[in-house]
Amino acid sequence: MHAVVITASFDDQSAAQASLVELVPRVSASPGCVSGYRIALSDHKRASIAVFNSDDQAKALEAQPSAPAGPVKIDTIELGEVVAHA
């Protein structure tokens, strides 16, 4: 399995939430999607982790725009192999 890890920041929580509302269904409908999580790191920072069956499937998501232009700033996008899970 492989994962795409994205960190993002924003100033306006409600505007950020509204701009990302279509993201969860898009990721969950992506080929090979096993699971996905959005983590609130602080009031103005989030991390997302999407796990896929293969490296190619994860790379396909990594290549897509992660957020529409607007209130959300993508800080990092990283791809890696899942080496353990519980």
PDB file of N, CA and C in Angstrom:
ATOM      1  N   MET A   1       0.839  -1.176   0.000  1.00  0.00           N
ATOM      2  CA  MET A   1       0.000   0.000   0.000  1.00  0.00           C
ATOM      3  C   MET A   1       0.888   1.244   0.000  1.00  0.00           C
ATOM      4  N   HIS A   2       0.325   2.327  -0.541  1.00  0.00           N
ATOM      5  CA  HIS A   2       1.020   3.608  -0.597  1.00  0.00           C
ATOM      6  C   HIS A   2       0.066   4.712  -0.156  1.00  0.00           C
ATOM      7  N   ALA A   3       0.624   5.796   0.378  1.00  0.00           N
ATOM      8  CA  ALA A   3      -0.195   6.886   0.895  1.00  0.00           C
ATOM      9  C   ALA A   3       0.271   8.222   0.340  1.00  0.00           C
ATOM     10  N   VAL A   4      -0.702   9.115   0.191  1.00  0.00           N
ATOM     11  CA  VAL A   4      -0.438  10.508  -0.134  1.00  0.00           C
ATOM     12  C   VAL A   4      -0.742  11.295   1.135  1.00  0.00           C
ATOM     13  N   VAL A   5       0.230  12.081   1.586  1.00  0.00           N
ATOM     14  CA  VAL A   5       0.080  12.886   2.803  1.00  0.00           C
ATOM     15  C   VAL A   5       0.149  14.346   2.392  1.00  0.00           C
ATOM     16  N   ILE A   6      -0.909  15.092   2.707  1.00  0.00           N
ATOM     17  CA  ILE A   6      -1.008  16.501   2.327  1.00  0.00           C
ATOM     18  C   ILE A   6      -1.205  17.335   3.583  1.00  0.00           C
ATOM     19  N   THR A   7      -0.427  18.408   3.734  1.00  0.00           N
ATOM     20  CA  THR A   7      -0.689  19.376   4.800  1.00  0.00           C
ATOM     21  C   THR A   7      -1.129  20.674   4.143  1.00  0.00           C
ATOM     22  N   ALA A   8      -2.084  21.332   4.779  1.00  0.00           N
ATOM     23  CA  ALA A   8      -2.644  22.568   4.242  1.00  0.00           C
ATOM     24  C   ALA A   8      -2.913  23.540   5.383  1.00  0.00           C
ATOM     25  N   SER A   9      -2.881  24.825   5.057  1.00  0.00           N
ATOM     26  CA  SER A   9      -3.178  25.855   6.048  1.00  0.00           C
ATOM     27  C   SER A   9      -4.179  26.850   5.468  1.00  0.00           C
ATOM     28  N   PHE A  10      -4.840  27.580   6.355  1.00  0.00           N
ATOM     29  CA  PHE A  10      -5.878  28.530   5.949  1.00  0.00           C
ATOM     30  C   PHE A  10      -6.118  29.517   7.083  1.00  0.00           C
ATOM     31  N   ASP A  11      -6.717  30.649   6.745  1.00  0.00           N
ATOM     32  CA  ASP A  11      -7.064  31.656   7.752  1.00  0.00           C
ATOM     33  C   ASP A  11      -8.524  31.573   8.171  1.00  0.00           C
ATOM     34  N   ASP A  12      -9.399  31.253   7.239  1.00  0.00           N
ATOM     35  CA  ASP A  12     -10.847  31.235   7.492  1.00  0.00           C
ATOM     36  C   ASP A  12     -11.345  29.793   7.457  1.00  0.00           C
ATOM     37  N   GLN A  13     -11.670  29.245   8.638  1.00  0.00           N
ATOM     38  CA  GLN A  13     -12.072  27.845   8.737  1.00  0.00           C
ATOM     39  C   GLN A  13     -13.303  27.516   7.910  1.00  0.00           C
ATOM     40  N   SER A  14     -14.358  28.344   7.981  1.00  0.00           N
ATOM     41  CA  SER A  14     -15.574  28.008   7.236  1.00  0.00           C
ATOM     42  C   SER A  14     -15.377  28.107   5.733  1.00  0.00           C
ATOM     43  N   ALA A  15     -14.614  29.070   5.265  1.00  0.00           N
ATOM     44  CA  ALA A  15     -14.334  29.179   3.828  1.00  0.00           C
ATOM     45  C   ALA A  15     -13.495  27.979   3.372  1.00  0.00           C
ATOM     46  N   ALA A  16     -12.543  27.564   4.186  1.00  0.00           N
ATOM     47  CA  ALA A  16     -11.715  26.407   3.847  1.00  0.00           C
ATOM     48  C   ALA A  16     -12.562  25.143   3.775  1.00  0.00           C
ATOM     49  N   GLN A  17     -13.443  24.962   4.738  1.00  0.00           N
ATOM     50  CA  GLN A  17     -14.310  23.778   4.751  1.00  0.00           C
ATOM     51  C   GLN A  17     -15.200  23.753   3.513  1.00  0.00           C
ATOM     52  N   ALA A  18     -15.762  24.890   3.164  1.00  0.00           N
ATOM     53  CA  ALA A  18     -16.637  24.961   1.995  1.00  0.00           C
ATOM     54  C   ALA A  18     -15.875  24.661   0.710  1.00  0.00           C
ATOM     55  N   SER A  19     -14.637  25.114   0.621  1.00  0.00           N
ATOM     56  CA  SER A  19     -13.867  24.900  -0.605  1.00  0.00           C
ATOM     57  C   SER A  19     -13.391  23.454  -0.744  1.00  0.00           C
ATOM     58  N   LEU A  20     -13.360  22.701   0.337  1.00  0.00           N
ATOM     59  CA  LEU A  20     -12.864  21.326   0.301  1.00  0.00           C
ATOM     60  C   LEU A  20     -13.973  20.274   0.347  1.00  0.00           C
ATOM     61  N   VAL A  21     -15.224  20.700   0.351  1.00  0.00           N
ATOM     62  CA  VAL A  21     -16.335  19.762   0.553  1.00  0.00           C
ATOM     63  C   VAL A  21     -16.395  18.678  -0.530  1.00  0.00           C
ATOM     64  N   GLU A  22     -15.958  18.975  -1.744  1.00  0.00           N
ATOM     65  CA  GLU A  22     -15.997  17.971  -2.809  1.00  0.00           C
ATOM     66  C   GLU A  22     -14.800  17.036  -2.781  1.00  0.00           C
ATOM     67  N   LEU A  23     -13.811  17.338  -1.973  1.00  0.00           N
ATOM     68  CA  LEU A  23     -12.571  16.568  -1.980  1.00  0.00           C
ATOM     69  C   LEU A  23     -12.751  15.135  -1.460  1.00  0.00           C
ATOM     70  N   VAL A  24     -13.501  14.946  -0.391  1.00  0.00           N
ATOM     71  CA  VAL A  24     -13.650  13.602   0.195  1.00  0.00           C
ATOM     72  C   VAL A  24     -14.304  12.629  -0.783  1.00  0.00           C
ATOM     73  N   PRO A  25     -15.420  12.988  -1.419  1.00  0.00           N
ATOM     74  CA  PRO A  25     -16.002  12.047  -2.387  1.00  0.00           C
ATOM     75  C   PRO A  25     -15.073  11.769  -3.575  1.00  0.00           C
ATOM     76  N   ARG A  26     -14.327  12.782  -4.012  1.00  0.00           N
ATOM     77  CA  ARG A  26     -13.410  12.593  -5.143  1.00  0.00           C
ATOM     78  C   ARG A  26     -12.304  11.606  -4.780  1.00  0.00           C
ATOM     79  N   VAL A  27     -11.736  11.752  -3.590  1.00  0.00           N
ATOM     80  CA  VAL A  27     -10.666  10.850  -3.168  1.00  0.00           C
ATOM     81  C   VAL A  27     -11.207   9.448  -2.958  1.00  0.00           C
ATOM     82  N   SER A  28     -12.345   9.319  -2.277  1.00  0.00           N
ATOM     83  CA  SER A  28     -12.880   7.979  -2.007  1.00  0.00           C
ATOM     84  C   SER A  28     -13.298   7.258  -3.284  1.00  0.00           C
ATOM     85  N   ALA A  29     -13.612   7.998  -4.350  1.00  0.00           N
ATOM     86  CA  ALA A  29     -13.972   7.385  -5.629  1.00  0.00           C
ATOM     87  C   ALA A  29     -12.751   7.089  -6.494  1.00  0.00           C
ATOM     88  N   SER A  30     -11.575   7.510  -6.074  1.00  0.00           N
ATOM     89  CA  SER A  30     -10.352   7.271  -6.848  1.00  0.00           C
ATOM     90  C   SER A  30     -10.043   5.776  -6.889  1.00  0.00           C
ATOM     91  N   PRO A  31      -9.578   5.276  -8.040  1.00  0.00           N
ATOM     92  CA  PRO A  31      -9.244   3.855  -8.143  1.00  0.00           C
ATOM     93  C   PRO A  31      -8.205   3.438  -7.099  1.00  0.00           C
ATOM     94  N   GLY A  32      -8.487   2.339  -6.421  1.00  0.00           N
ATOM     95  CA  GLY A  32      -7.545   1.791  -5.451  1.00  0.00           C
ATOM     96  C   GLY A  32      -7.568   2.425  -4.084  1.00  0.00           C
ATOM     97  N   CYS A  33      -8.480   3.362  -3.842  1.00  0.00           N
ATOM     98  CA  CYS A  33      -8.530   4.018  -2.530  1.00  0.00           C
ATOM     99  C   CYS A  33      -8.944   3.013  -1.460  1.00  0.00           C
ATOM    100  N   VAL A  34      -8.116   2.894  -0.431  1.00  0.00           N
ATOM    101  CA  VAL A  34      -8.378   1.985   0.681  1.00  0.00           C
ATOM    102  C   VAL A  34      -9.035   2.743   1.825  1.00  0.00           C
ATOM    103  N   SER A  35      -8.476   3.910   2.153  1.00  0.00           N
ATOM    104  CA  SER A  35      -9.019   4.731   3.236  1.00  0.00           C
ATOM    105  C   SER A  35      -8.462   6.144   3.127  1.00  0.00           C
ATOM    106  N   GLY A  36      -9.102   7.045   3.841  1.00  0.00           N
ATOM    107  CA  GLY A  36      -8.639   8.425   3.863  1.00  0.00           C
ATOM    108  C   GLY A  36      -8.987   9.073   5.182  1.00  0.00           C
ATOM    109  N   TYR A  37      -8.170  10.014   5.586  1.00  0.00           N
ATOM    110  CA  TYR A  37      -8.345  10.690   6.874  1.00  0.00           C
ATOM    111  C   TYR A  37      -8.000  12.158   6.729  1.00  0.00           C
ATOM    112  N   ARG A  38      -8.729  13.008   7.428  1.00  0.00           N
ATOM    113  CA  ARG A  38      -8.368  14.414   7.539  1.00  0.00           C
ATOM    114  C   ARG A  38      -8.160  14.680   9.024  1.00  0.00           C
ATOM    115  N   ILE A  39      -7.026  15.255   9.366  1.00  0.00           N
ATOM    116  CA  ILE A  39      -6.641  15.463  10.756  1.00  0.00           C
ATOM    117  C   ILE A  39      -6.539  16.952  11.041  1.00  0.00           C
ATOM    118  N   ALA A  40      -7.209  17.414  12.090  1.00  0.00           N
ATOM    119  CA  ALA A  40      -7.111  18.819  12.514  1.00  0.00           C
ATOM    120  C   ALA A  40      -5.871  18.948  13.389  1.00  0.00           C
ATOM    121  N   LEU A  41      -4.849  19.592  12.853  1.00  0.00           N
ATOM    122  CA  LEU A  41      -3.610  19.797  13.612  1.00  0.00           C
ATOM    123  C   LEU A  41      -3.705  21.036  14.491  1.00  0.00           C
ATOM    124  N   SER A  42      -4.472  22.014  14.035  1.00  0.00           N
ATOM    125  CA  SER A  42      -4.720  23.243  14.805  1.00  0.00           C
ATOM    126  C   SER A  42      -5.938  23.915  14.183  1.00  0.00           C
ATOM    127  N   ASP A  43      -6.297  25.095  14.674  1.00  0.00           N
ATOM    128  CA  ASP A  43      -7.445  25.820  14.120  1.00  0.00           C
ATOM    129  C   ASP A  43      -7.226  26.228  12.670  1.00  0.00           C
ATOM    130  N   HIS A  44      -5.965  26.296  12.239  1.00  0.00           N
ATOM    131  CA  HIS A  44      -5.661  26.798  10.898  1.00  0.00           C
ATOM    132  C   HIS A  44      -4.778  25.866  10.080  1.00  0.00           C
ATOM    133  N   LYS A  45      -4.679  24.610  10.490  1.00  0.00           N
ATOM    134  CA  LYS A  45      -3.827  23.662   9.764  1.00  0.00           C
ATOM    135  C   LYS A  45      -4.466  22.277   9.790  1.00  0.00           C
ATOM    136  N   ARG A  46      -4.452  21.619   8.634  1.00  0.00           N
ATOM    137  CA  ARG A  46      -4.984  20.264   8.512  1.00  0.00           C
ATOM    138  C   ARG A  46      -3.973  19.384   7.790  1.00  0.00           C
ATOM    139  N   ALA A  47      -4.073  18.097   8.045  1.00  0.00           N
ATOM    140  CA  ALA A  47      -3.320  17.095   7.295  1.00  0.00           C
ATOM    141  C   ALA A  47      -4.331  16.093   6.750  1.00  0.00           C
ATOM    142  N   SER A  48      -4.056  15.584   5.571  1.00  0.00           N
ATOM    143  CA  SER A  48      -4.893  14.556   4.972  1.00  0.00           C
ATOM    144  C   SER A  48      -3.998  13.391   4.582  1.00  0.00           C
ATOM    145  N   ILE A  49      -4.513  12.191   4.812  1.00  0.00           N
ATOM    146  CA  ILE A  49      -3.796  10.977   4.440  1.00  0.00           C
ATOM    147  C   ILE A  49      -4.760  10.122   3.632  1.00  0.00           C
ATOM    148  N   ALA A  50      -4.362   9.779   2.419  1.00  0.00           N
ATOM    149  CA  ALA A  50      -5.158   8.898   1.572  1.00  0.00           C
ATOM    150  C   ALA A  50      -4.307   7.669   1.257  1.00  0.00           C
ATOM    151  N   VAL A  51      -4.841   6.487   1.543  1.00  0.00           N
ATOM    152  CA  VAL A  51      -4.112   5.237   1.366  1.00  0.00           C
ATOM    153  C   VAL A  51      -4.669   4.504   0.144  1.00  0.00           C
ATOM    154  N   PHE A  52      -3.751   4.000  -0.687  1.00  0.00           N
ATOM    155  CA  PHE A  52      -4.105   3.318  -1.928  1.00  0.00           C
ATOM    156  C   PHE A  52      -3.441   1.951  -1.998  1.00  0.00           C
ATOM    157  N   ASN A  53      -4.003   1.081  -2.836  1.00  0.00           N
ATOM    158  CA  ASN A  53      -3.457  -0.258  -3.015  1.00  0.00           C
ATOM    159  C   ASN A  53      -2.073  -0.252  -3.658  1.00  0.00           C
ATOM    160  N   SER A  54      -1.825   0.694  -4.566  1.00  0.00           N
ATOM    161  CA  SER A  54      -0.560   0.666  -5.301  1.00  0.00           C
ATOM    162  C   SER A  54       0.078   2.045  -5.390  1.00  0.00           C
ATOM    163  N   ASP A  55       1.340   2.034  -5.723  1.00  0.00           N
ATOM    164  CA  ASP A  55       2.108   3.258  -5.933  1.00  0.00           C
ATOM    165  C   ASP A  55       1.512   4.069  -7.083  1.00  0.00           C
ATOM    166  N   ASP A  56       1.159   3.419  -8.179  1.00  0.00           N
ATOM    167  CA  ASP A  56       0.598   4.117  -9.335  1.00  0.00           C
ATOM    168  C   ASP A  56      -0.720   4.806  -8.989  1.00  0.00           C
ATOM    169  N   GLN A  57      -1.556   4.148  -8.198  1.00  0.00           N
ATOM    170  CA  GLN A  57      -2.831   4.750  -7.804  1.00  0.00           C
ATOM    171  C   GLN A  57      -2.602   5.959  -6.907  1.00  0.00           C
ATOM    172  N   ALA A  58      -1.652   5.874  -6.001  1.00  0.00           N
ATOM    173  CA  ALA A  58      -1.333   7.009  -5.134  1.00  0.00           C
ATOM    174  C   ALA A  58      -0.762   8.157  -5.959  1.00  0.00           C
ATOM    175  N   LYS A  59       0.103   7.843  -6.915  1.00  0.00           N
ATOM    176  CA  LYS A  59       0.685   8.884  -7.771  1.00  0.00           C
ATOM    177  C   LYS A  59      -0.384   9.594  -8.593  1.00  0.00           C
ATOM    178  N   ALA A  60      -1.435   8.866  -8.992  1.00  0.00           N
ATOM    179  CA  ALA A  60      -2.518   9.484  -9.757  1.00  0.00           C
ATOM    180  C   ALA A  60      -3.216  10.555  -8.920  1.00  0.00           C
ATOM    181  N   LEU A  61      -3.424  10.296  -7.630  1.00  0.00           N
ATOM    182  CA  LEU A  61      -4.027  11.318  -6.761  1.00  0.00           C
ATOM    183  C   LEU A  61      -3.037  12.445  -6.513  1.00  0.00           C
ATOM    184  N   GLU A  62      -1.791  12.108  -6.284  1.00  0.00           N
ATOM    185  CA  GLU A  62      -0.766  13.119  -6.015  1.00  0.00           C
ATOM    186  C   GLU A  62      -0.678  14.122  -7.171  1.00  0.00           C
ATOM    187  N   ALA A  63      -0.912  13.670  -8.390  1.00  0.00           N
ATOM    188  CA  ALA A  63      -0.803  14.523  -9.569  1.00  0.00           C
ATOM    189  C   ALA A  63      -2.005  15.450  -9.747  1.00  0.00           C
ATOM    190  N   GLN A  64      -3.125  15.150  -9.080  1.00  0.00           N
ATOM    191  CA  GLN A  64      -4.321  15.987  -9.196  1.00  0.00           C
ATOM    192  C   GLN A  64      -4.181  17.235  -8.334  1.00  0.00           C
ATOM    193  N   PRO A  65      -4.831  18.321  -8.733  1.00  0.00           N
ATOM    194  CA  PRO A  65      -4.871  19.484  -7.835  1.00  0.00           C
ATOM    195  C   PRO A  65      -5.556  19.078  -6.540  1.00  0.00           C
ATOM    196  N   SER A  66      -4.987  19.451  -5.402  1.00  0.00           N
ATOM    197  CA  SER A  66      -5.504  19.018  -4.112  1.00  0.00           C
ATOM    198  C   SER A  66      -6.582  19.916  -3.550  1.00  0.00           C
ATOM    199  N   ALA A  67      -6.565  21.167  -3.937  1.00  0.00           N
ATOM    200  CA  ALA A  67      -7.561  22.099  -3.425  1.00  0.00           C
ATOM    201  C   ALA A  67      -7.775  23.175  -4.463  1.00  0.00           C
ATOM    202  N   PRO A  68      -8.997  23.672  -4.545  1.00  0.00           N
ATOM    203  CA  PRO A  68      -9.244  24.753  -5.478  1.00  0.00           C
ATOM    204  C   PRO A  68      -8.524  26.018  -5.029  1.00  0.00           C
ATOM    205  N   ALA A  69      -8.287  26.918  -5.970  1.00  0.00           N
ATOM    206  CA  ALA A  69      -7.690  28.207  -5.596  1.00  0.00           C
ATOM    207  C   ALA A  69      -8.635  28.885  -4.615  1.00  0.00           C
ATOM    208  N   GLY A  70      -8.095  29.542  -3.652  1.00  0.00           N
ATOM    209  CA  GLY A  70      -8.948  30.204  -2.674  1.00  0.00           C
ATOM    210  C   GLY A  70      -8.325  30.210  -1.304  1.00  0.00           C
ATOM    211  N   PRO A  71      -9.120  29.902  -0.282  1.00  0.00           N
ATOM    212  CA  PRO A  71      -8.667  30.087   1.090  1.00  0.00           C
ATOM    213  C   PRO A  71      -7.668  29.058   1.595  1.00  0.00           C
ATOM    214  N   VAL A  72      -7.479  27.952   0.872  1.00  0.00           N
ATOM    215  CA  VAL A  72      -6.613  26.879   1.344  1.00  0.00           C
ATOM    216  C   VAL A  72      -5.262  26.937   0.631  1.00  0.00           C
ATOM    217  N   LYS A  73      -4.194  26.919   1.416  1.00  0.00           N
ATOM    218  CA  LYS A  73      -2.838  26.885   0.863  1.00  0.00           C
ATOM    219  C   LYS A  73      -2.261  25.500   1.134  1.00  0.00           C
ATOM    220  N   ILE A  74      -1.896  24.790   0.074  1.00  0.00           N
ATOM    221  CA  ILE A  74      -1.262  23.478   0.224  1.00  0.00           C
ATOM    222  C   ILE A  74       0.184  23.718   0.641  1.00  0.00           C
ATOM    223  N   ASP A  75       0.552  23.195   1.793  1.00  0.00           N
ATOM    224  CA  ASP A  75       1.916  23.362   2.298  1.00  0.00           C
ATOM    225  C   ASP A  75       2.845  22.272   1.768  1.00  0.00           C
ATOM    226  N   THR A  76       2.406  21.014   1.845  1.00  0.00           N
ATOM    227  CA  THR A  76       3.232  19.907   1.376  1.00  0.00           C
ATOM    228  C   THR A  76       2.357  18.807   0.786  1.00  0.00           C
ATOM    229  N   ILE A  77       2.913  18.092  -0.178  1.00  0.00           N
ATOM    230  CA  ILE A  77       2.315  16.868  -0.716  1.00  0.00           C
ATOM    231  C   ILE A  77       3.448  15.852  -0.802  1.00  0.00           C
ATOM    232  N   GLU A  78       3.273  14.736  -0.108  1.00  0.00           N
ATOM    233  CA  GLU A  78       4.307  13.703  -0.117  1.00  0.00           C
ATOM    234  C   GLU A  78       3.658  12.346  -0.363  1.00  0.00           C
ATOM    235  N   LEU A  79       4.403  11.474  -0.984  1.00  0.00           N
ATOM    236  CA  LEU A  79       3.941  10.133  -1.272  1.00  0.00           C
ATOM    237  C   LEU A  79       4.916   9.146  -0.650  1.00  0.00           C
ATOM    238  N   GLY A  80       4.389   8.084  -0.042  1.00  0.00           N
ATOM    239  CA  GLY A  80       5.273   7.092   0.553  1.00  0.00           C
ATOM    240  C   GLY A  80       4.609   5.738   0.664  1.00  0.00           C
ATOM    241  N   GLU A  81       5.451   4.735   0.835  1.00  0.00           N
ATOM    242  CA  GLU A  81       4.970   3.372   1.033  1.00  0.00           C
ATOM    243  C   GLU A  81       4.504   3.205   2.474  1.00  0.00           C
ATOM    244  N   VAL A  82       3.378   2.550   2.657  1.00  0.00           N
ATOM    245  CA  VAL A  82       2.901   2.216   4.001  1.00  0.00           C
ATOM    246  C   VAL A  82       3.720   1.010   4.464  1.00  0.00           C
ATOM    247  N   VAL A  83       4.497   1.180   5.505  1.00  0.00           N
ATOM    248  CA  VAL A  83       5.361   0.099   5.967  1.00  0.00           C
ATOM    249  C   VAL A  83       4.801  -0.617   7.195  1.00  0.00           C
ATOM    250  N   ALA A  84       3.772  -0.046   7.818  1.00  0.00           N
ATOM    251  CA  ALA A  84       3.102  -0.696   8.944  1.00  0.00           C
ATOM    252  C   ALA A  84       1.749  -0.026   9.150  1.00  0.00           C
ATOM    253  N   HIS A  85       0.802  -0.781   9.655  1.00  0.00           N
ATOM    254  CA  HIS A  85      -0.476  -0.209  10.055  1.00  0.00           C
ATOM    255  C   HIS A  85      -1.087  -1.090  11.145  1.00  0.00           C
ATOM    256  N   ALA A  86      -2.031  -0.509  11.881  1.00  0.00           N
ATOM    257  CA  ALA A  86      -2.657  -1.244  12.976  1.00  0.00           C
ATOM    258  C   ALA A  86      -4.138  -1.368  12.742  1.00  0.00           C
TER     259      ALA A  86
END
